[in-house]
Amino acid sequence: MGFDAARPDPLALIGAFDGPVLALYGGSDTQVDATENAAALRDLARTAGMQVDVMAGLNHLFQADPTGDPQNYARIPQTLAPEVPARIVAFLRRAAG
């Protein structure tokens, strides 16, 4: 069975990858339910190198926005909340050993 970008199989994709994984969700994201999806991902792949985090107060674009309203995306001057790259760098440092 080949890869179908329109219908990926998350279990197969995660199962085929043996490296560290960082999955981030915006806690105020109204497009992707962070709580539900983070829990599902944690259940799907219980690997030692996997970290799944919900970042409180961040929207779908990882901007600080407690409402998560997509109409705010262009209005928020911040392109990316500073805690996002900090979390990514910390993860990469741990993964690199």
PDB file of N, CA and C in Angstrom:
ATOM      1  N   MET A   1       0.844  -1.187   0.000  1.00  0.00           N
ATOM      2  CA  MET A   1       0.000   0.000   0.000  1.00  0.00           C
ATOM      3  C   MET A   1       0.878   1.235   0.000  1.00  0.00           C
ATOM      4  N   GLY A   2       0.657   2.154  -0.916  1.00  0.00           N
ATOM      5  CA  GLY A   2       1.442   3.383  -1.015  1.00  0.00           C
ATOM      6  C   GLY A   2       0.892   4.481  -0.124  1.00  0.00           C
ATOM      7  N   PHE A   3       1.627   5.565  -0.040  1.00  0.00           N
ATOM      8  CA  PHE A   3       1.215   6.708   0.763  1.00  0.00           C
ATOM      9  C   PHE A   3       0.204   7.534  -0.008  1.00  0.00           C
ATOM     10  N   ASP A   4      -0.902   7.837   0.611  1.00  0.00           N
ATOM     11  CA  ASP A   4      -1.946   8.666   0.021  1.00  0.00           C
ATOM     12  C   ASP A   4      -2.009   9.951   0.831  1.00  0.00           C
ATOM     13  N   ALA A   5      -1.493  11.049   0.278  1.00  0.00           N
ATOM     14  CA  ALA A   5      -1.431  12.316   1.010  1.00  0.00           C
ATOM     15  C   ALA A   5      -2.814  12.815   1.419  1.00  0.00           C
ATOM     16  N   ALA A   6      -3.833  12.439   0.675  1.00  0.00           N
ATOM     17  CA  ALA A   6      -5.183  12.874   1.010  1.00  0.00           C
ATOM     18  C   ALA A   6      -5.769  12.076   2.173  1.00  0.00           C
ATOM     19  N   ARG A   7      -5.269  10.854   2.383  1.00  0.00           N
ATOM     20  CA  ARG A   7      -5.765   9.991   3.460  1.00  0.00           C
ATOM     21  C   ARG A   7      -4.612   9.265   4.142  1.00  0.00           C
ATOM     22  N   PRO A   8      -3.766  10.018   4.831  1.00  0.00           N
ATOM     23  CA  PRO A   8      -2.651   9.339   5.495  1.00  0.00           C
ATOM     24  C   PRO A   8      -3.143   8.464   6.649  1.00  0.00           C
ATOM     25  N   ASP A   9      -2.419   7.420   6.907  1.00  0.00           N
ATOM     26  CA  ASP A   9      -2.714   6.530   8.020  1.00  0.00           C
ATOM     27  C   ASP A   9      -1.746   6.882   9.148  1.00  0.00           C
ATOM     28  N   PRO A  10      -2.205   7.625  10.163  1.00  0.00           N
ATOM     29  CA  PRO A  10      -1.291   8.076  11.225  1.00  0.00           C
ATOM     30  C   PRO A  10      -0.561   6.935  11.915  1.00  0.00           C
ATOM     31  N   LEU A  11      -1.236   5.843  12.168  1.00  0.00           N
ATOM     32  CA  LEU A  11      -0.601   4.719  12.844  1.00  0.00           C
ATOM     33  C   LEU A  11       0.561   4.173  12.011  1.00  0.00           C
ATOM     34  N   ALA A  12       0.358   4.040  10.709  1.00  0.00           N
ATOM     35  CA  ALA A  12       1.419   3.548   9.834  1.00  0.00           C
ATOM     36  C   ALA A  12       2.571   4.537   9.758  1.00  0.00           C
ATOM     37  N   LEU A  13       2.264   5.820   9.665  1.00  0.00           N
ATOM     38  CA  LEU A  13       3.320   6.832   9.574  1.00  0.00           C
ATOM     39  C   LEU A  13       4.161   6.866  10.845  1.00  0.00           C
ATOM     40  N   ILE A  14       3.504   6.896  11.982  1.00  0.00           N
ATOM     41  CA  ILE A  14       4.226   6.946  13.254  1.00  0.00           C
ATOM     42  C   ILE A  14       4.964   5.641  13.494  1.00  0.00           C
ATOM     43  N   GLY A  15       4.345   4.537  13.154  1.00  0.00           N
ATOM     44  CA  GLY A  15       4.980   3.236  13.339  1.00  0.00           C
ATOM     45  C   GLY A  15       6.220   3.052  12.483  1.00  0.00           C
ATOM     46  N   ALA A  16       6.253   3.711  11.340  1.00  0.00           N
ATOM     47  CA  ALA A  16       7.389   3.577  10.431  1.00  0.00           C
ATOM     48  C   ALA A  16       8.546   4.494  10.801  1.00  0.00           C
ATOM     49  N   PHE A  17       8.310   5.439  11.691  1.00  0.00           N
ATOM     50  CA  PHE A  17       9.347   6.406  12.061  1.00  0.00           C
ATOM     51  C   PHE A  17       9.912   6.047  13.420  1.00  0.00           C
ATOM     52  N   ASP A  18      11.233   5.930  13.500  1.00  0.00           N
ATOM     53  CA  ASP A  18      11.819   5.532  14.771  1.00  0.00           C
ATOM     54  C   ASP A  18      12.597   6.647  15.458  1.00  0.00           C
ATOM     55  N   GLY A  19      12.467   7.863  14.980  1.00  0.00           N
ATOM     56  CA  GLY A  19      13.163   8.994  15.593  1.00  0.00           C
ATOM     57  C   GLY A  19      12.275   9.727  16.583  1.00  0.00           C
ATOM     58  N   PRO A  20      12.814  10.756  17.213  1.00  0.00           N
ATOM     59  CA  PRO A  20      12.040  11.544  18.170  1.00  0.00           C
ATOM     60  C   PRO A  20      10.955  12.361  17.464  1.00  0.00           C
ATOM     61  N   VAL A  21       9.843  12.552  18.149  1.00  0.00           N
ATOM     62  CA  VAL A  21       8.709  13.294  17.594  1.00  0.00           C
ATOM     63  C   VAL A  21       8.242  14.318  18.611  1.00  0.00           C
ATOM     64  N   LEU A  22       8.055  15.556  18.141  1.00  0.00           N
ATOM     65  CA  LEU A  22       7.456  16.607  18.954  1.00  0.00           C
ATOM     66  C   LEU A  22       6.184  17.039  18.244  1.00  0.00           C
ATOM     67  N   ALA A  23       5.061  16.928  18.930  1.00  0.00           N
ATOM     68  CA  ALA A  23       3.781  17.377  18.385  1.00  0.00           C
ATOM     69  C   ALA A  23       3.270  18.499  19.276  1.00  0.00           C
ATOM     70  N   LEU A  24       3.018  19.659  18.687  1.00  0.00           N
ATOM     71  CA  LEU A  24       2.527  20.809  19.436  1.00  0.00           C
ATOM     72  C   LEU A  24       1.127  21.169  18.970  1.00  0.00           C
ATOM     73  N   TYR A  25       0.301  21.528  19.930  1.00  0.00           N
ATOM     74  CA  TYR A  25      -1.062  21.991  19.655  1.00  0.00           C
ATOM     75  C   TYR A  25      -1.269  23.299  20.374  1.00  0.00           C
ATOM     76  N   GLY A  26      -2.002  24.209  19.737  1.00  0.00           N
ATOM     77  CA  GLY A  26      -2.383  25.459  20.393  1.00  0.00           C
ATOM     78  C   GLY A  26      -3.597  25.204  21.274  1.00  0.00           C
ATOM     79  N   GLY A  27      -3.499  25.575  22.521  1.00  0.00           N
ATOM     80  CA  GLY A  27      -4.575  25.316  23.476  1.00  0.00           C
ATOM     81  C   GLY A  27      -5.866  26.059  23.178  1.00  0.00           C
ATOM     82  N   SER A  28      -5.779  27.192  22.468  1.00  0.00           N
ATOM     83  CA  SER A  28      -7.004  27.919  22.125  1.00  0.00           C
ATOM     84  C   SER A  28      -7.356  27.781  20.641  1.00  0.00           C
ATOM     85  N   ASP A  29      -6.767  26.810  19.982  1.00  0.00           N
ATOM     86  CA  ASP A  29      -7.031  26.542  18.566  1.00  0.00           C
ATOM     87  C   ASP A  29      -8.491  26.136  18.400  1.00  0.00           C
ATOM     88  N   THR A  30      -9.205  26.822  17.518  1.00  0.00           N
ATOM     89  CA  THR A  30     -10.599  26.477  17.260  1.00  0.00           C
ATOM     90  C   THR A  30     -10.747  25.632  15.990  1.00  0.00           C
ATOM     91  N   GLN A  31      -9.651  25.423  15.261  1.00  0.00           N
ATOM     92  CA  GLN A  31      -9.704  24.618  14.047  1.00  0.00           C
ATOM     93  C   GLN A  31      -9.356  23.153  14.319  1.00  0.00           C
ATOM     94  N   VAL A  32      -8.451  22.929  15.243  1.00  0.00           N
ATOM     95  CA  VAL A  32      -8.035  21.581  15.627  1.00  0.00           C
ATOM     96  C   VAL A  32      -8.196  21.483  17.134  1.00  0.00           C
ATOM     97  N   ASP A  33      -9.045  20.589  17.585  1.00  0.00           N
ATOM     98  CA  ASP A  33      -9.272  20.443  19.021  1.00  0.00           C
ATOM     99  C   ASP A  33      -8.009  19.892  19.676  1.00  0.00           C
ATOM    100  N   ALA A  34      -7.308  20.746  20.410  1.00  0.00           N
ATOM    101  CA  ALA A  34      -6.015  20.377  20.988  1.00  0.00           C
ATOM    102  C   ALA A  34      -6.140  19.232  21.991  1.00  0.00           C
ATOM    103  N   THR A  35      -7.102  19.314  22.878  1.00  0.00           N
ATOM    104  CA  THR A  35      -7.239  18.298  23.922  1.00  0.00           C
ATOM    105  C   THR A  35      -7.534  16.938  23.310  1.00  0.00           C
ATOM    106  N   GLU A  36      -8.490  16.889  22.429  1.00  0.00           N
ATOM    107  CA  GLU A  36      -8.893  15.624  21.802  1.00  0.00           C
ATOM    108  C   GLU A  36      -7.771  15.039  20.947  1.00  0.00           C
ATOM    109  N   ASN A  37      -7.154  15.866  20.119  1.00  0.00           N
ATOM    110  CA  ASN A  37      -6.123  15.373  19.212  1.00  0.00           C
ATOM    111  C   ASN A  37      -4.839  15.003  19.933  1.00  0.00           C
ATOM    112  N   ALA A  38      -4.460  15.761  20.945  1.00  0.00           N
ATOM    113  CA  ALA A  38      -3.262  15.422  21.716  1.00  0.00           C
ATOM    114  C   ALA A  38      -3.456  14.095  22.434  1.00  0.00           C
ATOM    115  N   ALA A  39      -4.622  13.890  23.013  1.00  0.00           N
ATOM    116  CA  ALA A  39      -4.902  12.626  23.697  1.00  0.00           C
ATOM    117  C   ALA A  39      -4.873  11.460  22.711  1.00  0.00           C
ATOM    118  N   ALA A  40      -5.452  11.657  21.548  1.00  0.00           N
ATOM    119  CA  ALA A  40      -5.466  10.589  20.535  1.00  0.00           C
ATOM    120  C   ALA A  40      -4.052  10.267  20.080  1.00  0.00           C
ATOM    121  N   LEU A  41      -3.231  11.287  19.896  1.00  0.00           N
ATOM    122  CA  LEU A  41      -1.854  11.052  19.456  1.00  0.00           C
ATOM    123  C   LEU A  41      -1.048  10.352  20.541  1.00  0.00           C
ATOM    124  N   ARG A  42      -1.251  10.744  21.776  1.00  0.00           N
ATOM    125  CA  ARG A  42      -0.556  10.075  22.884  1.00  0.00           C
ATOM    126  C   ARG A  42      -0.941   8.588  22.940  1.00  0.00           C
ATOM    127  N   ASP A  43      -2.216   8.294  22.733  1.00  0.00           N
ATOM    128  CA  ASP A  43      -2.676   6.904  22.743  1.00  0.00           C
ATOM    129  C   ASP A  43      -2.144   6.127  21.543  1.00  0.00           C
ATOM    130  N   LEU A  44      -2.021   6.805  20.434  1.00  0.00           N
ATOM    131  CA  LEU A  44      -1.598   6.170  19.189  1.00  0.00           C
ATOM    132  C   LEU A  44      -0.134   5.745  19.227  1.00  0.00           C
ATOM    133  N   ALA A  45       0.695   6.586  19.771  1.00  0.00           N
ATOM    134  CA  ALA A  45       2.132   6.304  19.727  1.00  0.00           C
ATOM    135  C   ALA A  45       2.756   6.528  21.091  1.00  0.00           C
ATOM    136  N   ARG A  46       2.959   5.477  21.787  1.00  0.00           N
ATOM    137  CA  ARG A  46       3.604   5.554  23.102  1.00  0.00           C
ATOM    138  C   ARG A  46       5.070   5.164  22.945  1.00  0.00           C
ATOM    139  N   THR A  47       5.823   6.066  22.330  1.00  0.00           N
ATOM    140  CA  THR A  47       7.243   5.817  22.130  1.00  0.00           C
ATOM    141  C   THR A  47       8.049   6.717  23.043  1.00  0.00           C
ATOM    142  N   ALA A  48       9.225   6.267  23.403  1.00  0.00           N
ATOM    143  CA  ALA A  48      10.067   7.021  24.335  1.00  0.00           C
ATOM    144  C   ALA A  48      10.465   8.382  23.780  1.00  0.00           C
ATOM    145  N   GLY A  49      10.601   8.495  22.470  1.00  0.00           N
ATOM    146  CA  GLY A  49      11.039   9.748  21.872  1.00  0.00           C
ATOM    147  C   GLY A  49       9.926  10.675  21.463  1.00  0.00           C
ATOM    148  N   MET A  50       8.711  10.428  21.933  1.00  0.00           N
ATOM    149  CA  MET A  50       7.581  11.256  21.528  1.00  0.00           C
ATOM    150  C   MET A  50       7.156  12.194  22.650  1.00  0.00           C
ATOM    151  N   GLN A  51       6.958  13.450  22.281  1.00  0.00           N
ATOM    152  CA  GLN A  51       6.469  14.455  23.224  1.00  0.00           C
ATOM    153  C   GLN A  51       5.285  15.162  22.579  1.00  0.00           C
ATOM    154  N   VAL A  52       4.169  15.178  23.261  1.00  0.00           N
ATOM    155  CA  VAL A  52       2.958  15.828  22.772  1.00  0.00           C
ATOM    156  C   VAL A  52       2.586  16.900  23.785  1.00  0.00           C
ATOM    157  N   ASP A  53       2.553  18.152  23.334  1.00  0.00           N
ATOM    158  CA  ASP A  53       2.272  19.271  24.235  1.00  0.00           C
ATOM    159  C   ASP A  53       1.132  20.128  23.711  1.00  0.00           C
ATOM    160  N   VAL A  54       0.277  20.566  24.622  1.00  0.00           N
ATOM    161  CA  VAL A  54      -0.755  21.554  24.320  1.00  0.00           C
ATOM    162  C   VAL A  54      -0.264  22.863  24.937  1.00  0.00           C
ATOM    163  N   MET A  55      -0.118  23.870  24.112  1.00  0.00           N
ATOM    164  CA  MET A  55       0.416  25.151  24.560  1.00  0.00           C
ATOM    165  C   MET A  55      -0.735  26.120  24.829  1.00  0.00           C
ATOM    166  N   ALA A  56      -0.982  26.351  26.095  1.00  0.00           N
ATOM    167  CA  ALA A  56      -2.121  27.168  26.533  1.00  0.00           C
ATOM    168  C   ALA A  56      -2.066  28.580  25.948  1.00  0.00           C
ATOM    169  N   GLY A  57      -3.243  29.065  25.558  1.00  0.00           N
ATOM    170  CA  GLY A  57      -3.381  30.437  25.097  1.00  0.00           C
ATOM    171  C   GLY A  57      -2.887  30.721  23.699  1.00  0.00           C
ATOM    172  N   LEU A  58      -2.520  29.673  22.957  1.00  0.00           N
ATOM    173  CA  LEU A  58      -2.041  29.873  21.589  1.00  0.00           C
ATOM    174  C   LEU A  58      -3.070  29.358  20.595  1.00  0.00           C
ATOM    175  N   ASN A  59      -3.195  30.085  19.485  1.00  0.00           N
ATOM    176  CA  ASN A  59      -4.167  29.713  18.465  1.00  0.00           C
ATOM    177  C   ASN A  59      -3.570  28.720  17.471  1.00  0.00           C
ATOM    178  N   HIS A  60      -4.255  28.511  16.375  1.00  0.00           N
ATOM    179  CA  HIS A  60      -3.855  27.547  15.349  1.00  0.00           C
ATOM    180  C   HIS A  60      -2.498  27.885  14.735  1.00  0.00           C
ATOM    181  N   LEU A  61      -2.154  29.172  14.691  1.00  0.00           N
ATOM    182  CA  LEU A  61      -0.882  29.615  14.121  1.00  0.00           C
ATOM    183  C   LEU A  61       0.183  29.806  15.194  1.00  0.00           C
ATOM    184  N   PHE A  62      -0.112  29.370  16.413  1.00  0.00           N
ATOM    185  CA  PHE A  62       0.785  29.507  17.558  1.00  0.00           C
ATOM    186  C   PHE A  62       1.076  30.966  17.893  1.00  0.00           C
ATOM    187  N   GLN A  63       0.041  31.789  17.757  1.00  0.00           N
ATOM    188  CA  GLN A  63       0.087  33.181  18.196  1.00  0.00           C
ATOM    189  C   GLN A  63      -0.629  33.250  19.541  1.00  0.00           C
ATOM    190  N   ALA A  64      -0.210  34.179  20.395  1.00  0.00           N
ATOM    191  CA  ALA A  64      -0.909  34.371  21.657  1.00  0.00           C
ATOM    192  C   ALA A  64      -2.293  34.941  21.364  1.00  0.00           C
ATOM    193  N   ASP A  65      -3.325  34.171  21.676  1.00  0.00           N
ATOM    194  CA  ASP A  65      -4.708  34.584  21.447  1.00  0.00           C
ATOM    195  C   ASP A  65      -5.626  33.645  22.223  1.00  0.00           C
ATOM    196  N   PRO A  66      -6.124  34.093  23.362  1.00  0.00           N
ATOM    197  CA  PRO A  66      -6.968  33.216  24.168  1.00  0.00           C
ATOM    198  C   PRO A  66      -8.297  32.845  23.502  1.00  0.00           C
ATOM    199  N   THR A  67      -8.735  33.613  22.492  1.00  0.00           N
ATOM    200  CA  THR A  67     -10.009  33.304  21.843  1.00  0.00           C
ATOM    201  C   THR A  67      -9.844  32.243  20.756  1.00  0.00           C
ATOM    202  N   GLY A  68      -8.698  32.225  20.093  1.00  0.00           N
ATOM    203  CA  GLY A  68      -8.469  31.286  19.004  1.00  0.00           C
ATOM    204  C   GLY A  68      -9.254  31.584  17.742  1.00  0.00           C
ATOM    205  N   ASP A  69      -9.908  32.712  17.682  1.00  0.00           N
ATOM    206  CA  ASP A  69     -10.741  33.072  16.534  1.00  0.00           C
ATOM    207  C   ASP A  69      -9.878  33.272  15.285  1.00  0.00           C
ATOM    208  N   PRO A  70     -10.124  32.510  14.211  1.00  0.00           N
ATOM    209  CA  PRO A  70      -9.337  32.658  12.986  1.00  0.00           C
ATOM    210  C   PRO A  70      -9.358  34.069  12.401  1.00  0.00           C
ATOM    211  N   GLN A  71     -10.392  34.837  12.672  1.00  0.00           N
ATOM    212  CA  GLN A  71     -10.436  36.209  12.170  1.00  0.00           C
ATOM    213  C   GLN A  71      -9.373  37.093  12.821  1.00  0.00           C
ATOM    214  N   ASN A  72      -8.812  36.642  13.919  1.00  0.00           N
ATOM    215  CA  ASN A  72      -7.770  37.417  14.600  1.00  0.00           C
ATOM    216  C   ASN A  72      -6.376  37.184  14.020  1.00  0.00           C
ATOM    217  N   TYR A  73      -6.181  36.150  13.234  1.00  0.00           N
ATOM    218  CA  TYR A  73      -4.849  35.792  12.759  1.00  0.00           C
ATOM    219  C   TYR A  73      -4.112  36.996  12.172  1.00  0.00           C
ATOM    220  N   ALA A  74      -4.725  37.680  11.251  1.00  0.00           N
ATOM    221  CA  ALA A  74      -4.072  38.803  10.574  1.00  0.00           C
ATOM    222  C   ALA A  74      -3.981  40.036  11.465  1.00  0.00           C
ATOM    223  N   ARG A  75      -4.796  40.109  12.486  1.00  0.00           N
ATOM    224  CA  ARG A  75      -4.802  41.274  13.381  1.00  0.00           C
ATOM    225  C   ARG A  75      -3.714  41.210  14.451  1.00  0.00           C
ATOM    226  N   ILE A  76      -3.221  40.027  14.722  1.00  0.00           N
ATOM    227  CA  ILE A  76      -2.227  39.852  15.782  1.00  0.00           C
ATOM    228  C   ILE A  76      -0.851  40.150  15.201  1.00  0.00           C
ATOM    229  N   PRO A  77      -0.150  41.131  15.758  1.00  0.00           N
ATOM    230  CA  PRO A  77       1.164  41.485  15.191  1.00  0.00           C
ATOM    231  C   PRO A  77       2.224  40.396  15.387  1.00  0.00           C
ATOM    232  N   GLN A  78       2.033  39.558  16.367  1.00  0.00           N
ATOM    233  CA  GLN A  78       2.986  38.486  16.651  1.00  0.00           C
ATOM    234  C   GLN A  78       2.833  37.378  15.612  1.00  0.00           C
ATOM    235  N   THR A  79       3.939  36.998  14.967  1.00  0.00           N
ATOM    236  CA  THR A  79       3.858  35.912  13.997  1.00  0.00           C
ATOM    237  C   THR A  79       3.953  34.546  14.662  1.00  0.00           C
ATOM    238  N   LEU A  80       4.684  34.465  15.765  1.00  0.00           N
ATOM    239  CA  LEU A  80       4.868  33.212  16.469  1.00  0.00           C
ATOM    240  C   LEU A  80       5.213  33.529  17.920  1.00  0.00           C
ATOM    241  N   ALA A  81       4.474  32.933  18.828  1.00  0.00           N
ATOM    242  CA  ALA A  81       4.750  33.155  20.250  1.00  0.00           C
ATOM    243  C   ALA A  81       6.157  32.655  20.572  1.00  0.00           C
ATOM    244  N   PRO A  82       6.940  33.416  21.341  1.00  0.00           N
ATOM    245  CA  PRO A  82       8.336  33.052  21.601  1.00  0.00           C
ATOM    246  C   PRO A  82       8.514  31.716  22.319  1.00  0.00           C
ATOM    247  N   GLU A  83       7.499  31.255  23.032  1.00  0.00           N
ATOM    248  CA  GLU A  83       7.643  29.979  23.724  1.00  0.00           C
ATOM    249  C   GLU A  83       7.640  28.786  22.763  1.00  0.00           C
ATOM    250  N   VAL A  84       7.168  28.996  21.538  1.00  0.00           N
ATOM    251  CA  VAL A  84       7.132  27.892  20.574  1.00  0.00           C
ATOM    252  C   VAL A  84       8.544  27.509  20.119  1.00  0.00           C
ATOM    253  N   PRO A  85       9.330  28.445  19.563  1.00  0.00           N
ATOM    254  CA  PRO A  85      10.685  28.045  19.197  1.00  0.00           C
ATOM    255  C   PRO A  85      11.514  27.605  20.404  1.00  0.00           C
ATOM    256  N   ALA A  86      11.256  28.182  21.574  1.00  0.00           N
ATOM    257  CA  ALA A  86      11.968  27.766  22.787  1.00  0.00           C
ATOM    258  C   ALA A  86      11.654  26.301  23.105  1.00  0.00           C
ATOM    259  N   ARG A  87      10.392  25.903  22.962  1.00  0.00           N
ATOM    260  CA  ARG A  87       9.992  24.513  23.211  1.00  0.00           C
ATOM    261  C   ARG A  87      10.633  23.584  22.184  1.00  0.00           C
ATOM    262  N   ILE A  88      10.685  24.013  20.924  1.00  0.00           N
ATOM    263  CA  ILE A  88      11.283  23.197  19.866  1.00  0.00           C
ATOM    264  C   ILE A  88      12.783  23.013  20.110  1.00  0.00           C
ATOM    265  N   VAL A  89      13.460  24.096  20.451  1.00  0.00           N
ATOM    266  CA  VAL A  89      14.907  24.022  20.708  1.00  0.00           C
ATOM    267  C   VAL A  89      15.180  23.104  21.905  1.00  0.00           C
ATOM    268  N   ALA A  90      14.412  23.237  22.967  1.00  0.00           N
ATOM    269  CA  ALA A  90      14.601  22.377  24.144  1.00  0.00           C
ATOM    270  C   ALA A  90      14.408  20.914  23.774  1.00  0.00           C
ATOM    271  N   PHE A  91      13.392  20.626  22.966  1.00  0.00           N
ATOM    272  CA  PHE A  91      13.146  19.246  22.529  1.00  0.00           C
ATOM    273  C   PHE A  91      14.319  18.719  21.714  1.00  0.00           C
ATOM    274  N   LEU A  92      14.797  19.522  20.774  1.00  0.00           N
ATOM    275  CA  LEU A  92      15.919  19.104  19.920  1.00  0.00           C
ATOM    276  C   LEU A  92      17.183  18.861  20.742  1.00  0.00           C
ATOM    277  N   ARG A  93      17.418  19.699  21.726  1.00  0.00           N
ATOM    278  CA  ARG A  93      18.594  19.496  22.594  1.00  0.00           C
ATOM    279  C   ARG A  93      18.501  18.177  23.348  1.00  0.00           C
ATOM    280  N   ARG A  94      17.307  17.892  23.887  1.00  0.00           N
ATOM    281  CA  ARG A  94      17.117  16.619  24.601  1.00  0.00           C
ATOM    282  C   ARG A  94      17.260  15.440  23.636  1.00  0.00           C
ATOM    283  N   ALA A  95      16.699  15.575  22.455  1.00  0.00           N
ATOM    284  CA  ALA A  95      16.733  14.473  21.478  1.00  0.00           C
ATOM    285  C   ALA A  95      18.157  14.208  20.985  1.00  0.00           C
ATOM    286  N   ALA A  96      18.949  15.271  20.902  1.00  0.00           N
ATOM    287  CA  ALA A  96      20.323  15.118  20.423  1.00  0.00           C
ATOM    288  C   ALA A  96      21.235  14.526  21.488  1.00  0.00           C
ATOM    289  N   GLY A  97      20.766  14.557  22.731  1.00  0.00           N
ATOM    290  CA  GLY A  97      21.516  13.953  23.824  1.00  0.00           C
ATOM    291  C   GLY A  97      22.590  14.841  24.279  1.00  0.00           C
TER     292      GLY A  97
END
